[in-house]
């Protein structure tokens, strides 16, 4: 089952997307965007930048859990992962974004 971008509008009125793997797990979440057009540009940026390993920043939180961000060419964060218990889990999450993002369809949240 292929991954998908799920779009939504938050209670704050901003537009968001999440990238879900084929199993339904969220592997990347966006920041809030002022418009649907800006959000859609963010999705296209994920598609492009997810194919460049250098765009992923591996991080460790103060609580010892691991996560990553995906950055655009200008260094701006496009999306952030969930928290992982291990560095290996985080690295698998990065691989999943790279695998799923290019061909993921875009659907509206239900």
PDB file of N, CA and C in Angstrom:
ATOM      1  N   UNK A   1       0.845  -1.182   0.000  1.00  0.00           N
ATOM      2  CA  UNK A   1       0.000   0.000   0.000  1.00  0.00           C
ATOM      3  C   UNK A   1       0.887   1.242   0.000  1.00  0.00           C
ATOM      4  N   UNK A   2       0.585   2.189  -0.844  1.00  0.00           N
ATOM      5  CA  UNK A   2       1.405   3.384  -1.010  1.00  0.00           C
ATOM      6  C   UNK A   2       1.128   4.410   0.079  1.00  0.00           C
ATOM      7  N   UNK A   3       2.106   5.292   0.270  1.00  0.00           N
ATOM      8  CA  UNK A   3       1.946   6.376   1.213  1.00  0.00           C
ATOM      9  C   UNK A   3       1.024   7.444   0.652  1.00  0.00           C
ATOM     10  N   UNK A   4       0.620   8.378   1.539  1.00  0.00           N
ATOM     11  CA  UNK A   4      -0.240   9.470   1.080  1.00  0.00           C
ATOM     12  C   UNK A   4      -0.022  10.698   1.948  1.00  0.00           C
ATOM     13  N   UNK A   5      -0.231  11.855   1.339  1.00  0.00           N
ATOM     14  CA  UNK A   5      -0.254  13.115   2.059  1.00  0.00           C
ATOM     15  C   UNK A   5      -1.702  13.373   2.446  1.00  0.00           C
ATOM     16  N   UNK A   6      -1.936  13.616   3.718  1.00  0.00           N
ATOM     17  CA  UNK A   6      -3.281  13.916   4.195  1.00  0.00           C
ATOM     18  C   UNK A   6      -3.310  15.391   4.597  1.00  0.00           C
ATOM     19  N   UNK A   7      -4.205  16.150   3.968  1.00  0.00           N
ATOM     20  CA  UNK A   7      -4.294  17.580   4.238  1.00  0.00           C
ATOM     21  C   UNK A   7      -5.451  17.874   5.177  1.00  0.00           C
ATOM     22  N   UNK A   8      -5.313  18.964   5.928  1.00  0.00           N
ATOM     23  CA  UNK A   8      -6.373  19.357   6.853  1.00  0.00           C
ATOM     24  C   UNK A   8      -6.231  20.842   7.179  1.00  0.00           C
ATOM     25  N   UNK A   9      -7.285  21.376   7.772  1.00  0.00           N
ATOM     26  CA  UNK A   9      -7.265  22.744   8.291  1.00  0.00           C
ATOM     27  C   UNK A   9      -7.414  22.623   9.798  1.00  0.00           C
ATOM     28  N   UNK A  10      -6.480  23.234  10.519  1.00  0.00           N
ATOM     29  CA  UNK A  10      -6.504  23.162  11.974  1.00  0.00           C
ATOM     30  C   UNK A  10      -7.515  24.117  12.585  1.00  0.00           C
ATOM     31  N   UNK A  11      -7.733  23.984  13.887  1.00  0.00           N
ATOM     32  CA  UNK A  11      -8.634  24.878  14.604  1.00  0.00           C
ATOM     33  C   UNK A  11      -8.133  26.315  14.556  1.00  0.00           C
ATOM     34  N   UNK A  12      -6.831  26.468  14.298  1.00  0.00           N
ATOM     35  CA  UNK A  12      -6.233  27.796  14.189  1.00  0.00           C
ATOM     36  C   UNK A  12      -6.431  28.407  12.796  1.00  0.00           C
ATOM     37  N   UNK A  13      -7.098  27.667  11.899  1.00  0.00           N
ATOM     38  CA  UNK A  13      -7.356  28.160  10.555  1.00  0.00           C
ATOM     39  C   UNK A  13      -6.204  27.957   9.586  1.00  0.00           C
ATOM     40  N   UNK A  14      -5.123  27.381  10.066  1.00  0.00           N
ATOM     41  CA  UNK A  14      -3.969  27.133   9.199  1.00  0.00           C
ATOM     42  C   UNK A  14      -4.115  25.790   8.491  1.00  0.00           C
ATOM     43  N   UNK A  15      -3.400  25.667   7.383  1.00  0.00           N
ATOM     44  CA  UNK A  15      -3.443  24.465   6.552  1.00  0.00           C
ATOM     45  C   UNK A  15      -2.234  23.586   6.876  1.00  0.00           C
ATOM     46  N   UNK A  16      -2.479  22.291   7.047  1.00  0.00           N
ATOM     47  CA  UNK A  16      -1.449  21.332   7.429  1.00  0.00           C
ATOM     48  C   UNK A  16      -1.456  20.129   6.496  1.00  0.00           C
ATOM     49  N   UNK A  17      -0.360  19.402   6.508  1.00  0.00           N
ATOM     50  CA  UNK A  17      -0.332  18.085   5.867  1.00  0.00           C
ATOM     51  C   UNK A  17       0.479  17.147   6.722  1.00  0.00           C
ATOM     52  N   UNK A  18       0.173  15.881   6.592  1.00  0.00           N
ATOM     53  CA  UNK A  18       1.006  14.833   7.187  1.00  0.00           C
ATOM     54  C   UNK A  18       1.245  13.799   6.097  1.00  0.00           C
ATOM     55  N   UNK A  19       2.419  13.214   6.128  1.00  0.00           N
ATOM     56  CA  UNK A  19       2.751  12.120   5.216  1.00  0.00           C
ATOM     57  C   UNK A  19       2.579  10.830   5.994  1.00  0.00           C
ATOM     58  N   UNK A  20       1.713   9.961   5.463  1.00  0.00           N
ATOM     59  CA  UNK A  20       1.465   8.675   6.108  1.00  0.00           C
ATOM     60  C   UNK A  20       2.060   7.564   5.252  1.00  0.00           C
ATOM     61  N   UNK A  21       2.678   6.621   5.914  1.00  0.00           N
ATOM     62  CA  UNK A  21       3.195   5.437   5.231  1.00  0.00           C
ATOM     63  C   UNK A  21       2.023   4.550   4.836  1.00  0.00           C
ATOM     64  N   UNK A  22       2.300   3.530   4.061  1.00  0.00           N
ATOM     65  CA  UNK A  22       1.263   2.608   3.610  1.00  0.00           C
ATOM     66  C   UNK A  22       0.501   1.945   4.745  1.00  0.00           C
ATOM     67  N   UNK A  23       1.149   1.806   5.907  1.00  0.00           N
ATOM     68  CA  UNK A  23       0.496   1.181   7.055  1.00  0.00           C
ATOM     69  C   UNK A  23      -0.340   2.171   7.871  1.00  0.00           C
ATOM     70  N   UNK A  24      -0.401   3.434   7.415  1.00  0.00           N
ATOM     71  CA  UNK A  24      -1.207   4.434   8.100  1.00  0.00           C
ATOM     72  C   UNK A  24      -0.479   5.244   9.151  1.00  0.00           C
ATOM     73  N   UNK A  25       0.770   4.890   9.446  1.00  0.00           N
ATOM     74  CA  UNK A  25       1.550   5.626  10.444  1.00  0.00           C
ATOM     75  C   UNK A  25       1.990   6.977   9.886  1.00  0.00           C
ATOM     76  N   UNK A  26       1.863   8.023  10.697  1.00  0.00           N
ATOM     77  CA  UNK A  26       2.351   9.340  10.291  1.00  0.00           C
ATOM     78  C   UNK A  26       3.874   9.341  10.390  1.00  0.00           C
ATOM     79  N   UNK A  27       4.533   9.675   9.285  1.00  0.00           N
ATOM     80  CA  UNK A  27       5.997   9.689   9.279  1.00  0.00           C
ATOM     81  C   UNK A  27       6.577  11.095   9.166  1.00  0.00           C
ATOM     82  N   UNK A  28       5.734  12.080   8.815  1.00  0.00           N
ATOM     83  CA  UNK A  28       6.195  13.466   8.735  1.00  0.00           C
ATOM     84  C   UNK A  28       4.989  14.385   8.877  1.00  0.00           C
ATOM     85  N   UNK A  29       5.139  15.442   9.669  1.00  0.00           N
ATOM     86  CA  UNK A  29       4.069  16.415   9.841  1.00  0.00           C
ATOM     87  C   UNK A  29       4.585  17.798   9.481  1.00  0.00           C
ATOM     88  N   UNK A  30       3.715  18.601   8.899  1.00  0.00           N
ATOM     89  CA  UNK A  30       4.110  19.938   8.468  1.00  0.00           C
ATOM     90  C   UNK A  30       3.899  20.972   9.556  1.00  0.00           C
ATOM     91  N   UNK A  31       4.428  22.136   9.272  1.00  0.00           N
ATOM     92  CA  UNK A  31       4.097  23.338  10.027  1.00  0.00           C
ATOM     93  C   UNK A  31       2.736  23.817   9.539  1.00  0.00           C
ATOM     94  N   UNK A  32       2.204  24.862  10.135  1.00  0.00           N
ATOM     95  CA  UNK A  32       0.954  25.446   9.662  1.00  0.00           C
ATOM     96  C   UNK A  32       1.224  26.442   8.543  1.00  0.00           C
ATOM     97  N   UNK A  33       0.398  26.408   7.516  1.00  0.00           N
ATOM     98  CA  UNK A  33       0.528  27.316   6.376  1.00  0.00           C
ATOM     99  C   UNK A  33      -0.686  28.239   6.331  1.00  0.00           C
ATOM    100  N   UNK A  34      -0.480  29.469   5.876  1.00  0.00           N
ATOM    101  CA  UNK A  34      -1.556  30.454   5.815  1.00  0.00           C
ATOM    102  C   UNK A  34      -2.602  30.112   4.763  1.00  0.00           C
ATOM    103  N   UNK A  35      -2.213  29.391   3.709  1.00  0.00           N
ATOM    104  CA  UNK A  35      -3.164  29.080   2.637  1.00  0.00           C
ATOM    105  C   UNK A  35      -2.968  27.648   2.143  1.00  0.00           C
ATOM    106  N   UNK A  36      -3.984  27.152   1.453  1.00  0.00           N
ATOM    107  CA  UNK A  36      -3.894  25.813   0.862  1.00  0.00           C
ATOM    108  C   UNK A  36      -2.810  25.779  -0.212  1.00  0.00           C
ATOM    109  N   UNK A  37      -2.660  26.866  -0.945  1.00  0.00           N
ATOM    110  CA  UNK A  37      -1.632  26.927  -1.987  1.00  0.00           C
ATOM    111  C   UNK A  37      -0.232  26.807  -1.375  1.00  0.00           C
ATOM    112  N   UNK A  38       0.003  27.510  -0.274  1.00  0.00           N
ATOM    113  CA  UNK A  38       1.306  27.412   0.408  1.00  0.00           C
ATOM    114  C   UNK A  38       1.538  25.992   0.917  1.00  0.00           C
ATOM    115  N   UNK A  39       0.487  25.383   1.467  1.00  0.00           N
ATOM    116  CA  UNK A  39       0.589  24.000   1.939  1.00  0.00           C
ATOM    117  C   UNK A  39       0.941  23.068   0.786  1.00  0.00           C
ATOM    118  N   UNK A  40       0.290  23.245  -0.353  1.00  0.00           N
ATOM    119  CA  UNK A  40       0.563  22.403  -1.513  1.00  0.00           C
ATOM    120  C   UNK A  40       1.997  22.585  -2.008  1.00  0.00           C
ATOM    121  N   UNK A  41       2.501  23.818  -1.932  1.00  0.00           N
ATOM    122  CA  UNK A  41       3.909  24.054  -2.269  1.00  0.00           C
ATOM    123  C   UNK A  41       4.819  23.310  -1.291  1.00  0.00           C
ATOM    124  N   UNK A  42       4.417  23.253  -0.021  1.00  0.00           N
ATOM    125  CA  UNK A  42       5.175  22.500   0.981  1.00  0.00           C
ATOM    126  C   UNK A  42       5.220  21.015   0.652  1.00  0.00           C
ATOM    127  N   UNK A  43       4.108  20.468   0.189  1.00  0.00           N
ATOM    128  CA  UNK A  43       4.058  19.053  -0.204  1.00  0.00           C
ATOM    129  C   UNK A  43       5.032  18.798  -1.355  1.00  0.00           C
ATOM    130  N   UNK A  44       5.030  19.686  -2.343  1.00  0.00           N
ATOM    131  CA  UNK A  44       5.953  19.515  -3.474  1.00  0.00           C
ATOM    132  C   UNK A  44       7.403  19.629  -3.016  1.00  0.00           C
ATOM    133  N   UNK A  45       7.645  20.474  -2.049  1.00  0.00           N
ATOM    134  CA  UNK A  45       8.998  20.613  -1.503  1.00  0.00           C
ATOM    135  C   UNK A  45       9.434  19.323  -0.798  1.00  0.00           C
ATOM    136  N   UNK A  46       8.503  18.679  -0.093  1.00  0.00           N
ATOM    137  CA  UNK A  46       8.809  17.385   0.539  1.00  0.00           C
ATOM    138  C   UNK A  46       9.145  16.355  -0.536  1.00  0.00           C
ATOM    139  N   UNK A  47       8.368  16.304  -1.588  1.00  0.00           N
ATOM    140  CA  UNK A  47       8.626  15.353  -2.674  1.00  0.00           C
ATOM    141  C   UNK A  47      10.064  15.502  -3.192  1.00  0.00           C
ATOM    142  N   UNK A  48      10.473  16.747  -3.455  1.00  0.00           N
ATOM    143  CA  UNK A  48      11.812  17.008  -4.010  1.00  0.00           C
ATOM    144  C   UNK A  48      12.916  16.761  -2.979  1.00  0.00           C
ATOM    145  N   UNK A  49      12.782  17.387  -1.831  1.00  0.00           N
ATOM    146  CA  UNK A  49      13.861  17.363  -0.843  1.00  0.00           C
ATOM    147  C   UNK A  49      14.040  16.023  -0.154  1.00  0.00           C
ATOM    148  N   UNK A  50      13.002  15.192  -0.154  1.00  0.00           N
ATOM    149  CA  UNK A  50      13.117  13.875   0.487  1.00  0.00           C
ATOM    150  C   UNK A  50      14.075  12.960  -0.271  1.00  0.00           C
ATOM    151  N   UNK A  51      14.430  13.337  -1.482  1.00  0.00           N
ATOM    152  CA  UNK A  51      15.337  12.514  -2.280  1.00  0.00           C
ATOM    153  C   UNK A  51      16.797  12.927  -2.090  1.00  0.00           C
ATOM    154  N   UNK A  52      17.038  13.920  -1.257  1.00  0.00           N
ATOM    155  CA  UNK A  52      18.383  14.405  -0.954  1.00  0.00           C
ATOM    156  C   UNK A  52      18.708  14.092   0.505  1.00  0.00           C
ATOM    157  N   UNK A  53      19.525  13.058   0.765  1.00  0.00           N
ATOM    158  CA  UNK A  53      19.815  12.684   2.153  1.00  0.00           C
ATOM    159  C   UNK A  53      20.314  13.840   3.022  1.00  0.00           C
ATOM    160  N   UNK A  54      21.028  14.781   2.440  1.00  0.00           N
ATOM    161  CA  UNK A  54      21.570  15.899   3.218  1.00  0.00           C
ATOM    162  C   UNK A  54      20.479  16.831   3.745  1.00  0.00           C
ATOM    163  N   UNK A  55      19.262  16.728   3.232  1.00  0.00           N
ATOM    164  CA  UNK A  55      18.161  17.598   3.676  1.00  0.00           C
ATOM    165  C   UNK A  55      17.535  17.123   4.995  1.00  0.00           C
ATOM    166  N   UNK A  56      17.852  15.889   5.392  1.00  0.00           N
ATOM    167  CA  UNK A  56      17.342  15.365   6.658  1.00  0.00           C
ATOM    168  C   UNK A  56      18.321  15.717   7.772  1.00  0.00           C
ATOM    169  N   UNK A  57      17.795  16.252   8.856  1.00  0.00           N
ATOM    170  CA  UNK A  57      18.601  16.565  10.029  1.00  0.00           C
ATOM    171  C   UNK A  57      18.212  15.598  11.139  1.00  0.00           C
ATOM    172  N   UNK A  58      19.159  14.758  11.537  1.00  0.00           N
ATOM    173  CA  UNK A  58      18.918  13.797  12.612  1.00  0.00           C
ATOM    174  C   UNK A  58      19.120  14.503  13.947  1.00  0.00           C
ATOM    175  N   UNK A  59      18.148  14.335  14.847  1.00  0.00           N
ATOM    176  CA  UNK A  59      18.189  15.055  16.122  1.00  0.00           C
ATOM    177  C   UNK A  59      17.854  14.130  17.280  1.00  0.00           C
ATOM    178  N   UNK A  60      18.263  14.582  18.467  1.00  0.00           N
ATOM    179  CA  UNK A  60      17.923  13.875  19.695  1.00  0.00           C
ATOM    180  C   UNK A  60      17.312  14.885  20.660  1.00  0.00           C
ATOM    181  N   UNK A  61      16.159  14.551  21.207  1.00  0.00           N
ATOM    182  CA  UNK A  61      15.464  15.434  22.140  1.00  0.00           C
ATOM    183  C   UNK A  61      16.109  15.349  23.525  1.00  0.00           C
ATOM    184  N   UNK A  62      15.791  16.311  24.354  1.00  0.00           N
ATOM    185  CA  UNK A  62      16.329  16.347  25.722  1.00  0.00           C
ATOM    186  C   UNK A  62      15.943  15.110  26.525  1.00  0.00           C
ATOM    187  N   UNK A  63      14.823  14.488  26.167  1.00  0.00           N
ATOM    188  CA  UNK A  63      14.360  13.300  26.895  1.00  0.00           C
ATOM    189  C   UNK A  63      15.008  12.010  26.388  1.00  0.00           C
ATOM    190  N   UNK A  64      15.950  12.141  25.429  1.00  0.00           N
ATOM    191  CA  UNK A  64      16.663  10.971  24.923  1.00  0.00           C
ATOM    192  C   UNK A  64      16.008  10.291  23.741  1.00  0.00           C
ATOM    193  N   UNK A  65      14.859  10.788  23.313  1.00  0.00           N
ATOM    194  CA  UNK A  65      14.210  10.202  22.132  1.00  0.00           C
ATOM    195  C   UNK A  65      14.775  10.852  20.876  1.00  0.00           C
ATOM    196  N   UNK A  66      14.546  10.197  19.752  1.00  0.00           N
ATOM    197  CA  UNK A  66      15.141  10.613  18.489  1.00  0.00           C
ATOM    198  C   UNK A  66      14.052  11.083  17.523  1.00  0.00           C
ATOM    199  N   UNK A  67      14.413  12.066  16.683  1.00  0.00           N
ATOM    200  CA  UNK A  67      13.501  12.540  15.650  1.00  0.00           C
ATOM    201  C   UNK A  67      14.323  13.147  14.526  1.00  0.00           C
ATOM    202  N   UNK A  68      13.640  13.549  13.466  1.00  0.00           N
ATOM    203  CA  UNK A  68      14.330  14.208  12.362  1.00  0.00           C
ATOM    204  C   UNK A  68      13.459  15.317  11.805  1.00  0.00           C
ATOM    205  N   UNK A  69      14.120  16.235  11.126  1.00  0.00           N
ATOM    206  CA  UNK A  69      13.410  17.253  10.363  1.00  0.00           C
ATOM    207  C   UNK A  69      13.841  17.117   8.911  1.00  0.00           C
ATOM    208  N   UNK A  70      12.988  17.554   8.025  1.00  0.00           N
ATOM    209  CA  UNK A  70      13.305  17.630   6.605  1.00  0.00           C
ATOM    210  C   UNK A  70      13.346  19.110   6.263  1.00  0.00           C
ATOM    211  N   UNK A  71      14.460  19.555   5.695  1.00  0.00           N
ATOM    212  CA  UNK A  71      14.658  20.969   5.413  1.00  0.00           C
ATOM    213  C   UNK A  71      14.694  21.241   3.917  1.00  0.00           C
ATOM    214  N   UNK A  72      14.228  22.435   3.552  1.00  0.00           N
ATOM    215  CA  UNK A  72      14.310  22.893   2.163  1.00  0.00           C
ATOM    216  C   UNK A  72      15.739  23.350   1.875  1.00  0.00           C
ATOM    217  N   UNK A  73      16.011  23.685   0.634  1.00  0.00           N
ATOM    218  CA  UNK A  73      17.347  24.125   0.245  1.00  0.00           C
ATOM    219  C   UNK A  73      17.776  25.381   0.998  1.00  0.00           C
ATOM    220  N   UNK A  74      16.810  26.207   1.422  1.00  0.00           N
ATOM    221  CA  UNK A  74      17.134  27.423   2.174  1.00  0.00           C
ATOM    222  C   UNK A  74      17.288  27.171   3.673  1.00  0.00           C
ATOM    223  N   UNK A  75      17.177  25.909   4.097  1.00  0.00           N
ATOM    224  CA  UNK A  75      17.334  25.549   5.495  1.00  0.00           C
ATOM    225  C   UNK A  75      16.049  25.564   6.305  1.00  0.00           C
ATOM    226  N   UNK A  76      14.954  26.058   5.724  1.00  0.00           N
ATOM    227  CA  UNK A  76      13.682  26.107   6.437  1.00  0.00           C
ATOM    228  C   UNK A  76      13.145  24.691   6.640  1.00  0.00           C
ATOM    229  N   UNK A  77      12.626  24.426   7.838  1.00  0.00           N
ATOM    230  CA  UNK A  77      12.046  23.124   8.142  1.00  0.00           C
ATOM    231  C   UNK A  77      10.720  22.978   7.398  1.00  0.00           C
ATOM    232  N   UNK A  78      10.600  21.889   6.630  1.00  0.00           N
ATOM    233  CA  UNK A  78       9.368  21.599   5.891  1.00  0.00           C
ATOM    234  C   UNK A  78       8.482  20.669   6.707  1.00  0.00           C
ATOM    235  N   UNK A  79       9.102  19.738   7.422  1.00  0.00           N
ATOM    236  CA  UNK A  79       8.347  18.774   8.199  1.00  0.00           C
ATOM    237  C   UNK A  79       9.179  18.190   9.317  1.00  0.00           C
ATOM    238  N   UNK A  80       8.485  17.637  10.295  1.00  0.00           N
ATOM    239  CA  UNK A  80       9.128  17.040  11.464  1.00  0.00           C
ATOM    240  C   UNK A  80       8.519  15.661  11.708  1.00  0.00           C
ATOM    241  N   UNK A  81       9.357  14.752  12.159  1.00  0.00           N
ATOM    242  CA  UNK A  81       8.887  13.389  12.425  1.00  0.00           C
ATOM    243  C   UNK A  81       8.286  13.264  13.816  1.00  0.00           C
ATOM    244  N   UNK A  82       7.765  12.088  14.067  1.00  0.00           N
ATOM    245  CA  UNK A  82       7.354  11.714  15.413  1.00  0.00           C
ATOM    246  C   UNK A  82       8.616  11.441  16.238  1.00  0.00           C
ATOM    247  N   UNK A  83       8.455  11.137  17.494  1.00  0.00           N
ATOM    248  CA  UNK A  83       9.577  10.753  18.352  1.00  0.00           C
ATOM    249  C   UNK A  83       9.778   9.243  18.265  1.00  0.00           C
ATOM    250  N   UNK A  84      11.020   8.842  18.212  1.00  0.00           N
ATOM    251  CA  UNK A  84      11.388   7.427  18.143  1.00  0.00           C
ATOM    252  C   UNK A  84      12.198   7.056  19.376  1.00  0.00           C
ATOM    253  N   UNK A  85      12.056   5.805  19.817  1.00  0.00           N
ATOM    254  CA  UNK A  85      12.813   5.323  20.977  1.00  0.00           C
ATOM    255  C   UNK A  85      14.289   5.135  20.660  1.00  0.00           C
ATOM    256  N   UNK A  86      14.596   4.800  19.388  1.00  0.00           N
ATOM    257  CA  UNK A  86      15.980   4.505  19.016  1.00  0.00           C
ATOM    258  C   UNK A  86      16.407   5.300  17.789  1.00  0.00           C
ATOM    259  N   UNK A  87      17.710   5.452  17.633  1.00  0.00           N
ATOM    260  CA  UNK A  87      18.265   6.103  16.444  1.00  0.00           C
ATOM    261  C   UNK A  87      17.931   5.275  15.205  1.00  0.00           C
ATOM    262  N   UNK A  88      17.921   3.971  15.341  1.00  0.00           N
ATOM    263  CA  UNK A  88      17.586   3.102  14.214  1.00  0.00           C
ATOM    264  C   UNK A  88      16.146   3.336  13.744  1.00  0.00           C
ATOM    265  N   UNK A  89      15.230   3.488  14.705  1.00  0.00           N
ATOM    266  CA  UNK A  89      13.841   3.787  14.357  1.00  0.00           C
ATOM    267  C   UNK A  89      13.741   5.099  13.590  1.00  0.00           C
ATOM    268  N   UNK A  90      14.479   6.105  14.063  1.00  0.00           N
ATOM    269  CA  UNK A  90      14.495   7.398  13.369  1.00  0.00           C
ATOM    270  C   UNK A  90      15.029   7.243  11.953  1.00  0.00           C
ATOM    271  N   UNK A  91      16.107   6.490  11.801  1.00  0.00           N
ATOM    272  CA  UNK A  91      16.698   6.286  10.479  1.00  0.00           C
ATOM    273  C   UNK A  91      15.749   5.530   9.554  1.00  0.00           C
ATOM    274  N   UNK A  92      14.992   4.590  10.106  1.00  0.00           N
ATOM    275  CA  UNK A  92      13.971   3.897   9.313  1.00  0.00           C
ATOM    276  C   UNK A  92      12.866   4.866   8.891  1.00  0.00           C
ATOM    277  N   UNK A  93      12.537   5.827   9.761  1.00  0.00           N
ATOM    278  CA  UNK A  93      11.546   6.838   9.427  1.00  0.00           C
ATOM    279  C   UNK A  93      12.013   7.708   8.264  1.00  0.00           C
ATOM    280  N   UNK A  94      13.282   8.079   8.270  1.00  0.00           N
ATOM    281  CA  UNK A  94      13.857   8.866   7.168  1.00  0.00           C
ATOM    282  C   UNK A  94      13.753   8.081   5.862  1.00  0.00           C
ATOM    283  N   UNK A  95      14.111   6.804   5.915  1.00  0.00           N
ATOM    284  CA  UNK A  95      14.040   5.964   4.715  1.00  0.00           C
ATOM    285  C   UNK A  95      12.602   5.848   4.221  1.00  0.00           C
ATOM    286  N   UNK A  96      11.648   5.795   5.143  1.00  0.00           N
ATOM    287  CA  UNK A  96      10.243   5.692   4.770  1.00  0.00           C
ATOM    288  C   UNK A  96       9.757   6.966   4.084  1.00  0.00           C
ATOM    289  N   UNK A  97      10.178   8.128   4.574  1.00  0.00           N
ATOM    290  CA  UNK A  97       9.809   9.393   3.913  1.00  0.00           C
ATOM    291  C   UNK A  97      10.378   9.413   2.501  1.00  0.00           C
ATOM    292  N   UNK A  98      11.652   9.050   2.365  1.00  0.00           N
ATOM    293  CA  UNK A  98      12.292   9.054   1.042  1.00  0.00           C
ATOM    294  C   UNK A  98      11.590   8.102   0.076  1.00  0.00           C
ATOM    295  N   UNK A  99      11.116   6.984   0.593  1.00  0.00           N
ATOM    296  CA  UNK A  99      10.459   5.970  -0.234  1.00  0.00           C
ATOM    297  C   UNK A  99       9.023   6.373  -0.596  1.00  0.00           C
ATOM    298  N   UNK A 100       8.305   6.951   0.343  1.00  0.00           N
ATOM    299  CA  UNK A 100       6.878   7.222   0.160  1.00  0.00           C
ATOM    300  C   UNK A 100       6.550   8.574  -0.473  1.00  0.00           C
ATOM    301  N   UNK A 101       7.323   9.603  -0.187  1.00  0.00           N
ATOM    302  CA  UNK A 101       6.954  10.969  -0.585  1.00  0.00           C
ATOM    303  C   UNK A 101       6.832  11.194  -2.100  1.00  0.00           C
ATOM    304  N   UNK A 102       7.756  10.694  -2.918  1.00  0.00           N
ATOM    305  CA  UNK A 102       7.704  11.067  -4.348  1.00  0.00           C
ATOM    306  C   UNK A 102       6.396  10.729  -5.052  1.00  0.00           C
ATOM    307  N   UNK A 103       5.780   9.601  -4.747  1.00  0.00           N
ATOM    308  CA  UNK A 103       4.589   9.153  -5.454  1.00  0.00           C
ATOM    309  C   UNK A 103       3.323   9.170  -4.617  1.00  0.00           C
ATOM    310  N   UNK A 104       3.404   9.736  -3.414  1.00  0.00           N
ATOM    311  CA  UNK A 104       2.239   9.734  -2.525  1.00  0.00           C
ATOM    312  C   UNK A 104       1.136  10.620  -3.084  1.00  0.00           C
ATOM    313  N   UNK A 105      -0.079  10.096  -3.074  1.00  0.00           N
ATOM    314  CA  UNK A 105      -1.214  10.917  -3.524  1.00  0.00           C
ATOM    315  C   UNK A 105      -1.612  11.856  -2.387  1.00  0.00           C
ATOM    316  N   UNK A 106      -2.336  12.892  -2.736  1.00  0.00           N
ATOM    317  CA  UNK A 106      -2.798  13.877  -1.763  1.00  0.00           C
ATOM    318  C   UNK A 106      -4.294  13.670  -1.544  1.00  0.00           C
ATOM    319  N   UNK A 107      -4.678  13.507  -0.284  1.00  0.00           N
ATOM    320  CA  UNK A 107      -6.093  13.328   0.068  1.00  0.00           C
ATOM    321  C   UNK A 107      -6.458  14.274   1.207  1.00  0.00           C
ATOM    322  N   UNK A 108      -7.716  14.651   1.244  1.00  0.00           N
ATOM    323  CA  UNK A 108      -8.221  15.507   2.314  1.00  0.00           C
ATOM    324  C   UNK A 108      -8.574  14.628   3.514  1.00  0.00           C
ATOM    325  N   UNK A 109      -8.258  15.119   4.720  1.00  0.00           N
ATOM    326  CA  UNK A 109      -8.597  14.377   5.936  1.00  0.00           C
ATOM    327  C   UNK A 109     -10.111  14.227   6.029  1.00  0.00           C
ATOM    328  N   UNK A 110     -10.544  13.117   6.597  1.00  0.00           N
ATOM    329  CA  UNK A 110     -11.983  12.857   6.740  1.00  0.00           C
ATOM    330  C   UNK A 110     -12.468  13.281   8.103  1.00  0.00           C
TER     331      UNK A 110
END
